[in-house]
Amino acid sequence: MAADTIESRAPLSHGPAPAAAFTSGLRNIRHAIESRLKDSGIERQALGDTAQGCDRSVPGMVIVDVGGNGKTARVTFTRDEVEDCSERVGTYCVKSKINHLVEELLARS
């Protein structure tokens, strides 16, 4: 019978599992923000996010608060944006948000 010859196969993997992709993406975004802040000469930086242990006002959103030079700015990312950065921060939208965040901190200085 044909049913006896069908092999069970594991589903194809297209990158890290969702939880691992989110964790890796958030780490990469935080690193990109830190690097961009340092490259811009912003010191005494602090980063905080709503990824764990916090009720989010909008489900699926991650809010990142960034402080530097005595100022604070906020940026939001969707879960999809975070997961898309699991390998590297390469999407235009995320890079643009990071650049805008840094420009906002520099303008307030």
N, C-alpha and C. Protein backbone atom coordinates (compact mmCIF):
# COMPACT_ATOMS: atom_id res chain seq x y z
N MET A 1 0.82 -1.19 0.00
CA MET A 1 0.00 0.00 0.00
C MET A 1 0.86 1.25 0.00
N ALA A 2 0.32 2.29 -0.56
CA ALA A 2 1.06 3.54 -0.65
C ALA A 2 1.27 4.16 0.72
N ALA A 3 0.31 4.00 1.63
CA ALA A 3 0.43 4.59 2.96
C ALA A 3 1.61 4.02 3.71
N ASP A 4 1.97 2.77 3.43
CA ASP A 4 3.10 2.15 4.11
C ASP A 4 4.44 2.72 3.64
N THR A 5 4.47 3.33 2.47
CA THR A 5 5.74 3.81 1.93
C THR A 5 5.98 5.30 2.20
N ILE A 6 5.00 5.99 2.78
CA ILE A 6 5.18 7.41 3.07
C ILE A 6 6.07 7.58 4.29
N GLU A 7 7.10 8.33 4.14
CA GLU A 7 8.01 8.59 5.25
C GLU A 7 7.54 9.82 6.01
N SER A 8 7.70 9.76 7.34
CA SER A 8 7.39 10.97 8.10
C SER A 8 8.62 11.85 8.08
N ARG A 9 8.40 13.10 7.81
CA ARG A 9 9.50 14.04 7.70
C ARG A 9 9.26 15.20 8.65
N ALA A 10 10.35 15.71 9.18
CA ALA A 10 10.26 16.89 10.03
C ALA A 10 9.97 18.09 9.13
N PRO A 11 9.21 19.06 9.65
CA PRO A 11 8.96 20.25 8.84
C PRO A 11 10.26 20.98 8.53
N LEU A 12 10.26 21.64 7.37
CA LEU A 12 11.45 22.40 6.99
C LEU A 12 11.65 23.56 7.95
N SER A 13 12.87 23.81 8.28
CA SER A 13 13.18 24.92 9.18
C SER A 13 13.57 26.14 8.36
N HIS A 14 12.99 27.26 8.69
CA HIS A 14 13.31 28.51 8.00
C HIS A 14 13.87 29.51 9.00
N GLY A 15 14.87 29.13 9.75
CA GLY A 15 15.46 30.03 10.73
C GLY A 15 15.14 29.57 12.14
N PRO A 16 15.51 30.40 13.12
CA PRO A 16 15.31 30.03 14.51
C PRO A 16 13.82 29.92 14.87
N ALA A 17 13.54 29.15 15.91
CA ALA A 17 12.17 29.04 16.42
C ALA A 17 11.69 30.42 16.85
N PRO A 18 10.36 30.65 16.85
CA PRO A 18 9.85 32.00 17.15
C PRO A 18 10.39 32.61 18.45
N ALA A 19 10.41 31.87 19.54
CA ALA A 19 10.91 32.44 20.80
C ALA A 19 12.39 32.77 20.70
N ALA A 20 13.16 31.88 20.07
CA ALA A 20 14.59 32.12 19.90
C ALA A 20 14.83 33.29 18.94
N ALA A 21 14.00 33.38 17.89
CA ALA A 21 14.14 34.48 16.93
C ALA A 21 13.85 35.81 17.60
N PHE A 22 12.85 35.84 18.48
CA PHE A 22 12.51 37.08 19.18
C PHE A 22 13.64 37.50 20.11
N THR A 23 14.15 36.56 20.90
CA THR A 23 15.23 36.86 21.83
C THR A 23 16.48 37.33 21.09
N SER A 24 16.82 36.64 20.02
CA SER A 24 17.99 37.01 19.23
C SER A 24 17.78 38.37 18.56
N GLY A 25 16.60 38.60 18.02
CA GLY A 25 16.30 39.86 17.37
C GLY A 25 16.37 41.03 18.33
N LEU A 26 15.81 40.86 19.53
CA LEU A 26 15.84 41.92 20.53
C LEU A 26 17.27 42.23 20.95
N ARG A 27 18.08 41.18 21.12
CA ARG A 27 19.49 41.37 21.47
C ARG A 27 20.21 42.14 20.36
N ASN A 28 19.95 41.78 19.11
CA ASN A 28 20.59 42.47 17.98
C ASN A 28 20.15 43.93 17.88
N ILE A 29 18.88 44.19 18.12
CA ILE A 29 18.39 45.58 18.08
C ILE A 29 19.03 46.39 19.20
N ARG A 30 19.06 45.84 20.41
CA ARG A 30 19.68 46.55 21.53
C ARG A 30 21.15 46.85 21.24
N HIS A 31 21.85 45.88 20.66
CA HIS A 31 23.27 46.08 20.31
C HIS A 31 23.41 47.18 19.25
N ALA A 32 22.52 47.18 18.26
CA ALA A 32 22.58 48.20 17.20
C ALA A 32 22.32 49.58 17.79
N ILE A 33 21.39 49.68 18.73
CA ILE A 33 21.12 50.97 19.38
C ILE A 33 22.34 51.42 20.17
N GLU A 34 22.91 50.52 20.96
CA GLU A 34 24.09 50.87 21.76
C GLU A 34 25.24 51.33 20.86
N SER A 35 25.47 50.62 19.77
CA SER A 35 26.56 50.99 18.85
C SER A 35 26.31 52.35 18.23
N ARG A 36 25.08 52.58 17.81
CA ARG A 36 24.73 53.86 17.19
C ARG A 36 24.88 55.02 18.17
N LEU A 37 24.49 54.79 19.43
CA LEU A 37 24.65 55.82 20.46
C LEU A 37 26.12 56.14 20.68
N LYS A 38 26.94 55.11 20.81
CA LYS A 38 28.38 55.33 21.02
C LYS A 38 29.01 56.04 19.83
N ASP A 39 28.63 55.62 18.60
CA ASP A 39 29.17 56.25 17.40
C ASP A 39 28.78 57.73 17.32
N SER A 40 27.66 58.08 17.94
CA SER A 40 27.18 59.47 17.91
C SER A 40 27.71 60.29 19.07
N GLY A 41 28.49 59.66 19.93
CA GLY A 41 29.07 60.37 21.06
C GLY A 41 28.14 60.55 22.25
N ILE A 42 27.06 59.81 22.27
CA ILE A 42 26.12 59.90 23.39
C ILE A 42 26.62 58.98 24.50
N GLU A 43 26.84 59.56 25.66
CA GLU A 43 27.37 58.80 26.79
C GLU A 43 26.30 58.58 27.84
N ARG A 44 26.66 57.79 28.86
CA ARG A 44 25.77 57.46 29.96
C ARG A 44 24.44 56.92 29.44
N GLN A 45 24.53 55.92 28.58
CA GLN A 45 23.34 55.37 27.97
C GLN A 45 22.68 54.32 28.86
N ALA A 46 21.38 54.24 28.74
CA ALA A 46 20.60 53.23 29.45
C ALA A 46 19.51 52.75 28.50
N LEU A 47 19.30 51.44 28.46
CA LEU A 47 18.25 50.87 27.62
C LEU A 47 17.32 50.05 28.48
N GLY A 48 16.04 50.19 28.25
CA GLY A 48 15.05 49.37 28.93
C GLY A 48 13.98 49.00 27.93
N ASP A 49 13.38 47.81 28.10
CA ASP A 49 12.34 47.42 27.17
C ASP A 49 11.23 46.67 27.89
N THR A 50 10.12 46.50 27.19
CA THR A 50 8.95 45.84 27.75
C THR A 50 8.84 44.39 27.30
N ALA A 51 9.95 43.79 26.90
CA ALA A 51 9.89 42.44 26.35
C ALA A 51 9.50 41.39 27.40
N GLN A 52 9.87 41.58 28.64
CA GLN A 52 9.57 40.59 29.68
C GLN A 52 9.04 41.27 30.93
N GLY A 53 8.13 40.59 31.59
CA GLY A 53 7.67 41.01 32.91
C GLY A 53 6.92 42.32 32.95
N CYS A 54 6.30 42.70 31.86
CA CYS A 54 5.59 43.98 31.82
C CYS A 54 4.37 43.84 30.94
N ASP A 55 3.24 44.33 31.41
CA ASP A 55 2.05 44.36 30.56
C ASP A 55 2.25 45.39 29.48
N ARG A 56 1.98 44.99 28.26
CA ARG A 56 2.13 45.92 27.14
C ARG A 56 0.78 46.56 26.83
N SER A 57 0.82 47.84 26.56
CA SER A 57 -0.42 48.52 26.22
C SER A 57 -0.93 48.07 24.85
N VAL A 58 -0.04 47.67 23.97
CA VAL A 58 -0.42 47.15 22.66
C VAL A 58 0.21 45.77 22.52
N PRO A 59 -0.61 44.70 22.49
CA PRO A 59 -0.04 43.35 22.36
C PRO A 59 0.82 43.23 21.11
N GLY A 60 1.94 42.55 21.23
CA GLY A 60 2.83 42.35 20.11
C GLY A 60 3.82 43.47 19.88
N MET A 61 3.77 44.50 20.68
CA MET A 61 4.70 45.63 20.54
C MET A 61 5.77 45.55 21.63
N VAL A 62 6.95 45.97 21.28
CA VAL A 62 8.04 46.10 22.24
C VAL A 62 8.40 47.58 22.28
N ILE A 63 8.38 48.13 23.47
CA ILE A 63 8.73 49.53 23.66
C ILE A 63 10.13 49.58 24.24
N VAL A 64 11.00 50.35 23.62
CA VAL A 64 12.37 50.49 24.10
C VAL A 64 12.59 51.94 24.50
N ASP A 65 12.95 52.15 25.76
CA ASP A 65 13.30 53.48 26.25
C ASP A 65 14.82 53.57 26.27
N VAL A 66 15.33 54.66 25.72
CA VAL A 66 16.77 54.85 25.62
C VAL A 66 17.12 56.18 26.27
N GLY A 67 18.09 56.13 27.15
CA GLY A 67 18.56 57.35 27.79
C GLY A 67 20.01 57.60 27.48
N GLY A 68 20.35 58.85 27.31
CA GLY A 68 21.73 59.23 27.06
C GLY A 68 21.87 60.72 27.22
N ASN A 69 22.98 61.14 27.83
CA ASN A 69 23.27 62.55 28.07
C ASN A 69 22.13 63.24 28.84
N GLY A 70 21.54 62.50 29.75
CA GLY A 70 20.48 63.08 30.58
C GLY A 70 19.14 63.21 29.90
N LYS A 71 18.98 62.66 28.71
CA LYS A 71 17.72 62.73 27.95
C LYS A 71 17.17 61.32 27.77
N THR A 72 15.88 61.24 27.47
CA THR A 72 15.25 59.94 27.23
C THR A 72 14.42 60.01 25.95
N ALA A 73 14.45 58.94 25.17
CA ALA A 73 13.64 58.82 23.97
C ALA A 73 13.05 57.41 23.94
N ARG A 74 11.97 57.25 23.21
CA ARG A 74 11.27 55.97 23.16
C ARG A 74 11.05 55.57 21.71
N VAL A 75 11.17 54.28 21.45
CA VAL A 75 10.90 53.72 20.13
C VAL A 75 10.13 52.42 20.31
N THR A 76 9.26 52.11 19.36
CA THR A 76 8.49 50.86 19.43
C THR A 76 8.82 49.99 18.21
N PHE A 77 8.78 48.69 18.45
CA PHE A 77 8.98 47.71 17.39
C PHE A 77 7.87 46.68 17.48
N THR A 78 7.43 46.19 16.34
CA THR A 78 6.47 45.09 16.35
C THR A 78 7.22 43.79 16.57
N ARG A 79 6.49 42.77 16.97
CA ARG A 79 7.11 41.47 17.17
C ARG A 79 7.74 40.99 15.86
N ASP A 80 7.08 41.23 14.73
CA ASP A 80 7.63 40.82 13.44
C ASP A 80 8.95 41.53 13.15
N GLU A 81 9.02 42.82 13.46
CA GLU A 81 10.27 43.56 13.24
C GLU A 81 11.39 42.98 14.08
N VAL A 82 11.08 42.65 15.33
CA VAL A 82 12.10 42.07 16.22
C VAL A 82 12.56 40.72 15.68
N GLU A 83 11.60 39.86 15.34
CA GLU A 83 11.96 38.53 14.85
C GLU A 83 12.73 38.59 13.52
N ASP A 84 12.43 39.59 12.68
CA ASP A 84 13.15 39.74 11.42
C ASP A 84 14.62 40.10 11.63
N CYS A 85 14.97 40.56 12.82
CA CYS A 85 16.35 40.93 13.14
C CYS A 85 17.10 39.81 13.86
N SER A 86 16.58 38.59 13.80
CA SER A 86 17.21 37.49 14.53
C SER A 86 18.61 37.18 14.03
N GLU A 87 18.88 37.42 12.76
CA GLU A 87 20.21 37.19 12.21
C GLU A 87 21.07 38.45 12.28
N ARG A 88 20.46 39.58 11.91
CA ARG A 88 21.15 40.87 11.94
C ARG A 88 20.12 41.97 11.77
N VAL A 89 20.48 43.18 12.14
CA VAL A 89 19.58 44.32 11.95
C VAL A 89 19.80 44.82 10.54
N GLY A 90 18.95 44.38 9.62
CA GLY A 90 19.14 44.74 8.24
C GLY A 90 17.95 45.39 7.58
N THR A 91 16.80 45.37 8.25
CA THR A 91 15.62 45.95 7.61
C THR A 91 15.65 47.47 7.68
N TYR A 92 15.20 48.09 6.62
CA TYR A 92 15.22 49.55 6.53
C TYR A 92 14.40 50.17 7.65
N CYS A 93 13.24 49.61 7.93
CA CYS A 93 12.34 50.18 8.94
C CYS A 93 13.01 50.22 10.31
N VAL A 94 13.63 49.13 10.72
CA VAL A 94 14.28 49.08 12.03
C VAL A 94 15.46 50.04 12.08
N LYS A 95 16.29 50.03 11.03
CA LYS A 95 17.43 50.95 10.99
C LYS A 95 16.96 52.40 11.05
N SER A 96 15.88 52.69 10.34
CA SER A 96 15.34 54.04 10.33
C SER A 96 14.85 54.46 11.71
N LYS A 97 14.19 53.55 12.41
CA LYS A 97 13.72 53.85 13.76
C LYS A 97 14.89 54.12 14.71
N ILE A 98 15.95 53.33 14.58
CA ILE A 98 17.13 53.52 15.43
C ILE A 98 17.77 54.87 15.13
N ASN A 99 17.92 55.20 13.85
CA ASN A 99 18.51 56.48 13.48
C ASN A 99 17.67 57.65 13.98
N HIS A 100 16.36 57.53 13.87
CA HIS A 100 15.47 58.59 14.35
C HIS A 100 15.60 58.77 15.86
N LEU A 101 15.70 57.66 16.57
CA LEU A 101 15.87 57.67 18.02
C LEU A 101 17.14 58.44 18.42
N VAL A 102 18.23 58.14 17.76
CA VAL A 102 19.51 58.78 18.06
C VAL A 102 19.45 60.26 17.69
N GLU A 103 18.86 60.57 16.55
CA GLU A 103 18.71 61.97 16.15
C GLU A 103 17.88 62.74 17.18
N GLU A 104 16.87 62.10 17.70
CA GLU A 104 16.03 62.75 18.73
C GLU A 104 16.84 63.04 19.99
N LEU A 105 17.67 62.10 20.40
CA LEU A 105 18.52 62.33 21.58
C LEU A 105 19.55 63.43 21.32
N LEU A 106 20.10 63.45 20.12
CA LEU A 106 21.08 64.49 19.78
C LEU A 106 20.43 65.87 19.71
N ALA A 107 19.21 65.94 19.20
CA ALA A 107 18.51 67.23 19.09
C ALA A 107 18.17 67.80 20.45
N ARG A 108 17.99 66.95 21.40
CA ARG A 108 17.63 67.40 22.75
C ARG A 108 18.86 67.80 23.55
N SER A 109 20.04 67.43 23.07
CA SER A 109 21.27 67.72 23.83
C SER A 109 21.62 69.17 23.82
